[in-house]
Protein backbone atom coordinates (compact mmCIF):
# COMPACT_ATOMS: atom_id res chain seq x y z
CA UNK A 1 -0.25 -0.34 -0.05
CA UNK A 2 1.51 3.57 -1.46
CA UNK A 3 1.36 6.10 1.78
CA UNK A 4 0.62 10.12 1.54
CA UNK A 5 3.33 12.76 2.02
CA UNK A 6 0.89 15.44 2.93
CA UNK A 7 -2.59 15.75 2.83
CA UNK A 8 -5.17 18.85 2.30
CA UNK A 9 -7.46 19.21 5.48
CA UNK A 10 -11.57 18.70 4.70
CA UNK A 11 -12.91 19.39 8.17
CA UNK A 12 -12.21 19.34 11.42
CA UNK A 13 -13.43 18.60 15.01
CA UNK A 14 -12.53 18.82 18.51
CA UNK A 15 -13.97 17.77 21.57
CA UNK A 16 -12.94 17.42 25.50
CA UNK A 17 -10.50 14.74 24.63
CA UNK A 18 -8.96 14.65 21.32
CA UNK A 19 -9.23 17.20 17.70
CA UNK A 20 -9.28 15.31 14.19
CA UNK A 21 -9.15 16.04 10.84
CA UNK A 22 -10.22 14.36 7.94
CA UNK A 23 -8.03 15.02 4.97
CA UNK A 24 -7.61 13.84 0.93
CA UNK A 25 -3.72 12.58 -0.07
CA UNK A 26 -2.03 15.05 -2.29
CA UNK A 27 0.00 11.66 -4.32
CA UNK A 28 -2.55 9.43 -4.40
CA UNK A 29 -5.97 11.50 -3.05
CA UNK A 30 -6.23 8.85 -0.21
CA UNK A 31 -9.07 9.91 2.11
CA UNK A 32 -8.65 8.88 5.59
CA UNK A 33 -9.24 10.45 9.16
CA UNK A 34 -6.34 11.46 11.25
CA UNK A 35 -6.28 12.19 15.57
CA UNK A 36 -4.09 15.39 15.47
CA UNK A 37 -1.96 16.31 18.47
CA UNK A 38 -3.25 18.43 21.05
CA UNK A 39 -1.02 21.89 20.32
CA UNK A 40 -1.47 21.97 16.84
CA UNK A 41 -4.30 24.31 15.24
CA UNK A 42 -5.21 23.64 11.18
CA UNK A 43 -7.89 25.15 9.28
CA UNK A 44 -9.58 23.74 6.12
CA UNK A 45 -7.30 23.60 3.25
CA UNK A 46 -4.26 23.40 5.22
CA UNK A 47 -1.42 21.41 3.86
CA UNK A 48 -0.13 19.19 6.86
CA UNK A 49 2.61 16.26 6.38
CA UNK A 50 1.85 13.21 7.27
CA UNK A 51 3.76 10.03 8.37
CA UNK A 52 5.27 8.72 11.84
CA UNK A 53 7.13 12.07 11.97
CA UNK A 54 4.70 14.72 11.80
CA UNK A 55 4.21 16.65 14.23
CA UNK A 56 0.57 17.61 13.71
CA UNK A 57 -0.64 13.74 13.50
CA UNK A 58 -0.97 11.70 16.56
CA UNK A 59 -2.32 8.52 14.54
CA UNK A 60 -3.74 7.98 11.21
CA UNK A 61 -7.28 6.13 11.49
CA UNK A 62 -9.31 4.78 8.61
CA UNK A 63 -9.29 5.50 5.18
CA UNK A 64 -12.21 6.08 3.60
CA UNK A 65 -15.02 5.82 0.83
CA UNK A 66 -16.50 9.05 -1.15
CA UNK A 67 -19.39 7.81 0.36
CA UNK A 68 -18.06 8.87 3.80
CA UNK A 69 -17.96 12.53 2.94
CA UNK A 70 -20.51 15.19 4.22
CA UNK A 71 -21.68 17.70 1.42
CA UNK A 72 -19.29 20.00 3.01
CA UNK A 73 -16.81 17.62 2.85
CA UNK A 74 -17.20 16.93 -0.73
CA UNK A 75 -17.72 20.59 -1.85
CA UNK A 76 -13.65 21.02 -0.11
CA UNK A 77 -12.51 17.57 -1.96
CA UNK A 78 -13.23 19.56 -5.06
CA UNK A 79 -11.79 22.50 -4.40
CA UNK A 80 -8.40 20.69 -2.78
CA UNK A 81 -8.25 18.09 -5.71
CA UNK A 82 -7.95 21.41 -8.17
CA UNK A 83 -5.31 22.48 -5.90
CA UNK A 84 -3.60 19.31 -5.57
CA UNK A 85 -3.67 19.42 -9.15
CA UNK A 86 -2.35 22.90 -10.12
CA UNK A 87 0.08 22.60 -7.46
CA UNK A 88 1.97 19.42 -9.55
CA UNK A 89 1.62 20.44 -13.15
CA UNK A 90 4.38 18.98 -14.39
CA UNK A 91 3.52 14.88 -13.15
CA UNK A 92 0.09 15.18 -14.66
CA UNK A 93 1.59 16.53 -18.12
CA UNK A 94 3.53 13.74 -18.02
CA UNK A 95 0.59 10.95 -17.74
CA UNK A 96 -0.16 12.97 -21.70
CA UNK A 97 3.93 12.67 -22.88
CA UNK A 98 4.07 9.31 -21.41
CA UNK A 99 1.28 7.90 -23.50
CA UNK A 100 2.23 6.00 -26.42
CA UNK A 101 0.18 4.84 -29.42
CA UNK A 102 0.66 0.92 -28.41
CA UNK A 103 -0.80 1.84 -25.29
CA UNK A 104 -2.31 4.70 -24.63
CA UNK A 105 -5.16 6.06 -21.32
CA UNK A 106 -6.15 9.26 -23.16
CA UNK A 107 -9.31 7.73 -24.08
CA UNK A 108 -10.19 7.58 -20.12
CA UNK A 109 -10.46 11.43 -19.79
CA UNK A 110 -13.48 12.54 -20.18
CA UNK A 111 -14.41 13.79 -24.11
CA UNK A 112 -11.50 12.02 -25.35
CA UNK A 113 -12.47 9.14 -27.69
CA UNK A 114 -9.16 6.57 -28.88
CA UNK A 115 -9.61 8.92 -31.96
CA UNK A 116 -8.96 11.92 -30.38
CA UNK A 117 -6.31 10.29 -28.70
CA UNK A 118 -4.62 8.94 -31.41
CA UNK A 119 -4.54 13.09 -32.52
CA UNK A 120 -3.02 14.27 -29.39
CA UNK A 121 -0.25 11.41 -29.53
CA UNK A 122 0.16 12.72 -33.83
CA UNK A 123 1.08 15.94 -32.30
CA UNK A 124 3.42 15.13 -28.99
CA UNK A 125 5.52 12.69 -31.98
CA UNK A 126 5.32 16.00 -34.74
CA UNK A 127 6.20 18.60 -32.22
CA UNK A 128 7.66 17.06 -29.23
CA UNK A 129 6.71 16.70 -25.30
CA UNK A 130 3.90 19.05 -24.13
CA UNK A 131 5.68 20.99 -21.47
CA UNK A 132 2.46 22.16 -19.48
CA UNK A 133 -1.14 22.69 -19.20
CA UNK A 134 -1.56 25.58 -21.30
CA UNK A 135 0.51 24.16 -24.22
CA UNK A 136 -1.91 20.82 -24.26
CA UNK A 137 -4.58 23.94 -24.64
CA UNK A 138 -3.09 25.99 -27.35
CA UNK A 139 -1.43 22.74 -29.09
CA UNK A 140 -4.70 20.60 -29.21
CA UNK A 141 -7.16 22.88 -30.61
CA UNK A 142 -10.18 20.46 -29.51
CA UNK A 143 -9.30 20.60 -25.45
CA UNK A 144 -10.39 23.40 -24.02
CA UNK A 145 -8.85 22.52 -20.29
CA UNK A 146 -6.55 19.91 -19.97
CA UNK A 147 -6.31 20.68 -16.30
CA UNK A 148 -10.00 20.26 -15.35
CA UNK A 149 -10.08 16.79 -17.47
CA UNK A 150 -7.48 15.51 -15.32
CA UNK A 151 -9.62 17.22 -12.22
CA UNK A 152 -13.09 15.01 -13.29
CA UNK A 153 -11.29 12.68 -13.96
CA UNK A 154 -9.93 11.95 -10.23
CA UNK A 155 -13.26 13.53 -8.92
CA UNK A 156 -14.85 10.32 -10.91
CA UNK A 157 -12.17 7.95 -9.72
CA UNK A 158 -13.14 8.68 -5.91
CA UNK A 159 -16.88 9.13 -6.21
CA UNK A 160 -18.02 6.87 -9.29
CA UNK A 161 -15.57 4.37 -10.62
CA UNK A 162 -15.63 2.18 -7.48
CA UNK A 163 -19.50 1.85 -8.23
CA UNK A 164 -19.36 -0.15 -11.25
CA UNK A 165 -20.34 -3.26 -11.77
CA UNK A 166 -18.68 -4.42 -14.77
CA UNK A 167 -15.23 -4.63 -16.30
CA UNK A 168 -11.94 -3.91 -14.01
CA UNK A 169 -12.07 -0.22 -13.57
CA UNK A 170 -9.33 1.91 -14.40
CA UNK A 171 -7.64 3.89 -11.65
CA UNK A 172 -4.88 6.34 -13.33
CA UNK A 173 -4.23 8.80 -10.53
CA UNK A 174 -5.82 7.28 -7.46
CA UNK A 175 -6.20 4.49 -4.46
CA UNK A 176 -9.68 4.60 -3.22
CA UNK A 177 -12.10 2.42 -1.19
CA UNK A 178 -15.09 0.84 -2.56
CA UNK A 179 -17.85 0.14 -0.75
CA UNK A 180 -16.73 -3.62 0.56
CA UNK A 181 -13.76 -1.30 2.35
CA UNK A 182 -11.30 -3.02 0.09
CA UNK A 183 -8.36 -1.14 -1.35
CA UNK A 184 -7.78 -0.63 -5.00
CA UNK A 185 -6.09 0.48 -7.37
CA UNK A 186 -4.92 -0.22 -11.39
CA UNK A 187 -2.09 -2.31 -11.58
CA UNK A 188 -0.87 -1.51 -15.16
CA UNK A 189 1.88 -4.30 -15.41
CA UNK A 190 -0.46 -6.98 -15.35
CA UNK A 191 -3.09 -5.66 -17.49
CA UNK A 192 -1.99 -8.43 -20.12
CA UNK A 193 -1.24 -11.57 -17.87
CA UNK A 194 -4.53 -12.42 -15.67
CA UNK A 195 -2.63 -15.05 -14.37
CA UNK A 196 -0.39 -12.50 -12.79
CA UNK A 197 -2.94 -10.14 -12.27
CA UNK A 198 -4.86 -12.80 -9.74
CA UNK A 199 -1.85 -14.11 -7.62
CA UNK A 200 -0.44 -10.61 -7.40
CA UNK A 201 -4.03 -8.92 -5.85
CA UNK A 202 -4.78 -12.84 -3.79
CA UNK A 203 -1.55 -11.61 -2.28
CA UNK A 204 -2.64 -8.34 -1.50
CA UNK A 205 -5.94 -9.35 -0.20
CA UNK A 206 -7.84 -7.82 -2.74
CA UNK A 207 -9.87 -10.99 -4.42
CA UNK A 208 -13.05 -12.03 -2.40
CA UNK A 209 -12.25 -15.41 -2.93
CA UNK A 210 -10.21 -17.72 -4.88
CA UNK A 211 -10.42 -17.22 -8.66
CA UNK A 212 -12.83 -14.20 -8.47
CA UNK A 213 -11.77 -10.56 -9.10
CA UNK A 214 -14.15 -7.61 -7.01
CA UNK A 215 -15.96 -5.67 -9.32
């Protein structure tokens, strides 16, 4: 299981005996609850360090699904995802640059068909890698905002994709928890080899029973 190094605060709560916060991670968008140290003061949308050495965090508690969020927390999640994607622009521009015509995932972005994805890759091959979101938007006439495409995909992976019943969902940017409380992530290297994929996820506890993938 991959860990988050930082998180953005979605909400806080304080009682007589403890402080807690609900956060979203900045690397894999993992949703989780934290027990905070008594002497720290955090606000919604603050970025805080995580892990055992964090001066903010007493204990990392349960990882959450999107369905665990309140309406206010959903609103703050949308703001946080936009902030995270903006702050890590080169990471998500790299996603566009890493695609190839033999193994492209651009069609998973909203409104990008395989045909349009191929046009993006042709532009990249002819004129070089993309340098920024603005560069993508300027060079690809049918993309109004590449940043918005990434933000929309992340929110879709958090909220809607875990509910899909057919096939194996493709998580491009997130690690999520489904309603059955199993942590799920796309493992690209096993896509073309079902036997290796099944053995790997059995080891990680991601099968309900032998020979059957979680849907």
